[in-house]
Amino acid sequence: MGILALSADERVRAVRSDADTLSVDLMDGRTITVPLAWYPRLLRATQQQRDRWETSGGGYGIHWPKIDEDLSTEGLLRGAPAPKSQFAGGKS
């Protein structure tokens, strides 16, 4: 007997944050939660700036226009922090 496997849908459904974490709800019901410290631009942004996001890349990315930050669900699922240049205060 086989079992019915639900297909993964890694597109963004919703994004929320608080002072310490970023949480991304995916269309397939999963939620990814990561420390804001991994993404210095988001950490330095105001809550209002973090709350203003839009999907990009066909729904597989998140863009914050006011802080020019972009993340992908692929990177979030891999647990990939921002490149080291952001941590060192450099431009990316």
C-alpha atoms as a PDB file:
ATOM      1  CA  MET A   1       0.000   0.000   0.000  1.00  0.00           C
ATOM      2  CA  GLY A   2       1.197   3.475  -0.770  1.00  0.00           C
ATOM      3  CA  ILE A   3       0.732   6.609   1.189  1.00  0.00           C
ATOM      4  CA  LEU A   4      -0.277   9.947  -0.193  1.00  0.00           C
ATOM      5  CA  ALA A   5       2.577  12.408   0.236  1.00  0.00           C
ATOM      6  CA  LEU A   6       1.695  16.055   0.499  1.00  0.00           C
ATOM      7  CA  SER A   7       3.669  18.146  -1.927  1.00  0.00           C
ATOM      8  CA  ALA A   8       5.939  20.822  -0.539  1.00  0.00           C
ATOM      9  CA  ASP A   9       5.010  24.378  -1.484  1.00  0.00           C
ATOM     10  CA  GLU A  10       7.814  26.655  -0.362  1.00  0.00           C
ATOM     11  CA  ARG A  11       6.124  29.878  -1.467  1.00  0.00           C
ATOM     12  CA  VAL A  12       5.637  32.607   1.141  1.00  0.00           C
ATOM     13  CA  ARG A  13       2.222  32.929   2.768  1.00  0.00           C
ATOM     14  CA  ALA A  14       3.014  35.392   5.569  1.00  0.00           C
ATOM     15  CA  VAL A  15       5.958  37.082   7.299  1.00  0.00           C
ATOM     16  CA  ARG A  16       6.163  38.386  10.837  1.00  0.00           C
ATOM     17  CA  SER A  17       8.877  39.482  13.197  1.00  0.00           C
ATOM     18  CA  ASP A  18       9.509  40.687  16.704  1.00  0.00           C
ATOM     19  CA  ALA A  19      12.603  42.178  18.322  1.00  0.00           C
ATOM     20  CA  ASP A  20      14.485  38.856  18.125  1.00  0.00           C
ATOM     21  CA  THR A  21      13.055  36.596  15.417  1.00  0.00           C
ATOM     22  CA  LEU A  22      11.780  36.446  11.859  1.00  0.00           C
ATOM     23  CA  SER A  23       9.047  33.902  11.087  1.00  0.00           C
ATOM     24  CA  VAL A  24       7.938  32.963   7.584  1.00  0.00           C
ATOM     25  CA  ASP A  25       4.815  30.875   6.993  1.00  0.00           C
ATOM     26  CA  LEU A  26       4.927  28.776   3.838  1.00  0.00           C
ATOM     27  CA  MET A  27       1.990  27.791   1.659  1.00  0.00           C
ATOM     28  CA  ASP A  28       2.396  24.137   2.664  1.00  0.00           C
ATOM     29  CA  GLY A  29       1.817  24.913   6.349  1.00  0.00           C
ATOM     30  CA  ARG A  30       5.408  24.976   7.573  1.00  0.00           C
ATOM     31  CA  THR A  31       6.833  27.925   9.498  1.00  0.00           C
ATOM     32  CA  ILE A  32      10.500  28.877   9.423  1.00  0.00           C
ATOM     33  CA  THR A  33      11.745  30.895  12.400  1.00  0.00           C
ATOM     34  CA  VAL A  34      15.257  32.338  12.448  1.00  0.00           C
ATOM     35  CA  PRO A  35      17.111  34.830  14.648  1.00  0.00           C
ATOM     36  CA  LEU A  36      16.986  38.411  13.377  1.00  0.00           C
ATOM     37  CA  ALA A  37      20.679  38.647  14.310  1.00  0.00           C
ATOM     38  CA  TRP A  38      21.384  36.562  11.174  1.00  0.00           C
ATOM     39  CA  TYR A  39      20.139  39.453   9.030  1.00  0.00           C
ATOM     40  CA  PRO A  40      21.671  42.750  10.240  1.00  0.00           C
ATOM     41  CA  ARG A  41      19.588  44.948   7.926  1.00  0.00           C
ATOM     42  CA  LEU A  42      16.395  43.480   9.342  1.00  0.00           C
ATOM     43  CA  LEU A  43      17.749  43.678  12.880  1.00  0.00           C
ATOM     44  CA  ARG A  44      18.562  47.387  12.488  1.00  0.00           C
ATOM     45  CA  ALA A  45      15.223  48.150  10.796  1.00  0.00           C
ATOM     46  CA  THR A  46      12.206  49.450  12.664  1.00  0.00           C
ATOM     47  CA  GLN A  47       9.262  47.145  13.250  1.00  0.00           C
ATOM     48  CA  GLN A  48       7.276  49.249  10.793  1.00  0.00           C
ATOM     49  CA  GLN A  49       9.938  48.703   8.107  1.00  0.00           C
ATOM     50  CA  ARG A  50      10.017  44.950   8.782  1.00  0.00           C
ATOM     51  CA  ASP A  51       6.216  44.804   8.590  1.00  0.00           C
ATOM     52  CA  ARG A  52       6.286  46.240   5.053  1.00  0.00           C
ATOM     53  CA  TRP A  53       7.325  43.267   2.923  1.00  0.00           C
ATOM     54  CA  GLU A  54       6.284  41.827  -0.415  1.00  0.00           C
ATOM     55  CA  THR A  55       6.798  38.528  -2.154  1.00  0.00           C
ATOM     56  CA  SER A  56       9.285  38.283  -5.001  1.00  0.00           C
ATOM     57  CA  GLY A  57      10.686  35.579  -7.238  1.00  0.00           C
ATOM     58  CA  GLY A  58       7.324  34.011  -8.001  1.00  0.00           C
ATOM     59  CA  GLY A  59       6.482  33.796  -4.304  1.00  0.00           C
ATOM     60  CA  TYR A  60       9.744  32.092  -3.272  1.00  0.00           C
ATOM     61  CA  GLY A  61      11.359  35.310  -2.049  1.00  0.00           C
ATOM     62  CA  ILE A  62      10.685  38.164   0.350  1.00  0.00           C
ATOM     63  CA  HIS A  63      11.602  41.785  -0.374  1.00  0.00           C
ATOM     64  CA  TRP A  64      11.611  44.669   2.101  1.00  0.00           C
ATOM     65  CA  PRO A  65      11.552  47.823  -0.080  1.00  0.00           C
ATOM     66  CA  LYS A  66      12.411  50.360   2.623  1.00  0.00           C
ATOM     67  CA  ILE A  67      15.576  48.536   3.703  1.00  0.00           C
ATOM     68  CA  ASP A  68      16.495  46.924   0.357  1.00  0.00           C
ATOM     69  CA  GLU A  69      16.692  43.418   1.816  1.00  0.00           C
ATOM     70  CA  ASP A  70      15.845  40.202  -0.006  1.00  0.00           C
ATOM     71  CA  LEU A  71      15.635  36.654   1.342  1.00  0.00           C
ATOM     72  CA  SER A  72      14.607  33.404  -0.306  1.00  0.00           C
ATOM     73  CA  THR A  73      12.705  30.542   1.227  1.00  0.00           C
ATOM     74  CA  GLU A  74      15.463  28.257  -0.077  1.00  0.00           C
ATOM     75  CA  GLY A  75      18.073  30.129   1.972  1.00  0.00           C
ATOM     76  CA  LEU A  76      15.843  30.234   5.027  1.00  0.00           C
ATOM     77  CA  LEU A  77      15.223  26.483   4.810  1.00  0.00           C
ATOM     78  CA  ARG A  78      18.982  25.878   4.530  1.00  0.00           C
ATOM     79  CA  GLY A  79      19.548  28.037   7.605  1.00  0.00           C
ATOM     80  CA  ALA A  80      21.735  30.462   5.686  1.00  0.00           C
ATOM     81  CA  PRO A  81      22.579  33.704   7.526  1.00  0.00           C
ATOM     82  CA  ALA A  82      23.392  36.902   5.629  1.00  0.00           C
ATOM     83  CA  PRO A  83      26.800  37.046   3.923  1.00  0.00           C
ATOM     84  CA  LYS A  84      29.693  37.981   6.222  1.00  0.00           C
ATOM     85  CA  SER A  85      30.061  41.403   4.558  1.00  0.00           C
ATOM     86  CA  GLN A  86      26.761  42.465   6.134  1.00  0.00           C
ATOM     87  CA  PHE A  87      27.983  41.397   9.565  1.00  0.00           C
ATOM     88  CA  ALA A  88      31.167  43.408   9.114  1.00  0.00           C
ATOM     89  CA  GLY A  89      29.196  46.504   8.181  1.00  0.00           C
ATOM     90  CA  GLY A  90      30.099  46.280   4.493  1.00  0.00           C
ATOM     91  CA  LYS A  91      27.738  46.737   1.604  1.00  0.00           C
ATOM     92  CA  SER A  92      26.185  43.794  -0.155  1.00  0.00           C
END
